[in-house]
Amino acid sequence: MKNLFDRFVKDESGATAIEYGLIAALISVALITGATTLGNALNNQFDQLSDKLNYKSGS
């Protein structure tokens, strides 16, 4: 029984898998945040361009 417990304590493969999972989750959150920010910035640029085109065509 002690041998089984010693093997369990020394086994770090589960901890490594959890660490890789956390790293993947953090990278995903960073990518989603960056894509959302970029999308909002592009949307604002296109809205401004659309407003300028509509203003000039309405004159």
Protein backbone atom coordinates (compact mmCIF):
# COMPACT_ATOMS: atom_id res chain seq x y z
CA MET A 1 0.00 0.00 0.00
CA LYS A 2 2.86 2.38 0.82
CA ASN A 3 4.40 1.65 -2.60
CA LEU A 4 1.15 2.62 -4.32
CA PHE A 5 0.95 5.86 -2.34
CA ASP A 6 4.60 6.71 -3.13
CA ARG A 7 3.97 6.15 -6.85
CA PHE A 8 0.88 8.37 -6.69
CA VAL A 9 2.78 11.20 -4.98
CA LYS A 10 5.66 11.03 -7.47
CA ASP A 11 3.41 10.88 -10.55
CA GLU A 12 3.28 14.39 -12.03
CA SER A 13 1.60 13.60 -15.35
CA GLY A 14 -1.79 14.75 -14.08
CA ALA A 15 -0.36 18.04 -12.86
CA THR A 16 1.37 18.56 -16.20
CA ALA A 17 -1.87 17.96 -18.07
CA ILE A 18 -3.66 20.48 -15.86
CA GLU A 19 -0.91 23.04 -16.44
CA TYR A 20 -1.14 22.60 -20.20
CA GLY A 21 -4.91 22.97 -19.95
CA LEU A 22 -4.57 26.22 -18.02
CA ILE A 23 -2.04 27.57 -20.50
CA ALA A 24 -4.35 26.70 -23.40
CA ALA A 25 -7.26 28.40 -21.62
CA LEU A 26 -5.24 31.58 -21.01
CA ILE A 27 -4.10 31.69 -24.63
CA SER A 28 -7.70 31.24 -25.77
CA VAL A 29 -8.90 34.08 -23.56
CA ALA A 30 -6.13 36.33 -24.88
CA LEU A 31 -6.98 35.50 -28.50
CA ILE A 32 -10.71 36.08 -27.95
CA THR A 33 -10.04 39.40 -26.21
CA GLY A 34 -7.69 40.54 -28.97
CA ALA A 35 -10.09 39.51 -31.73
CA THR A 36 -12.99 41.29 -30.02
CA THR A 37 -10.96 44.47 -29.57
CA LEU A 38 -9.79 44.39 -33.17
CA GLY A 39 -13.32 43.71 -34.40
CA ASN A 40 -14.72 46.64 -32.44
CA ALA A 41 -11.99 48.95 -33.73
CA LEU A 42 -12.63 47.89 -37.33
CA ASN A 43 -16.36 48.31 -36.86
CA ASN A 44 -15.83 51.86 -35.60
CA GLN A 45 -13.60 52.67 -38.59
CA PHE A 46 -16.16 51.36 -41.06
CA ASP A 47 -18.95 53.26 -39.30
CA GLN A 48 -16.96 56.49 -39.56
CA LEU A 49 -16.21 55.85 -43.23
CA SER A 50 -19.86 55.09 -43.90
CA ASP A 51 -20.93 58.31 -42.18
CA LYS A 52 -18.47 60.34 -44.28
CA LEU A 53 -19.65 58.70 -47.52
CA ASN A 54 -23.30 59.24 -46.63
CA TYR A 55 -22.65 62.88 -45.72
CA LYS A 56 -20.86 63.58 -49.01
CA SER A 57 -23.44 61.80 -51.13
CA GLY A 58 -26.28 63.66 -49.40
CA SER A 59 -24.88 67.14 -50.22
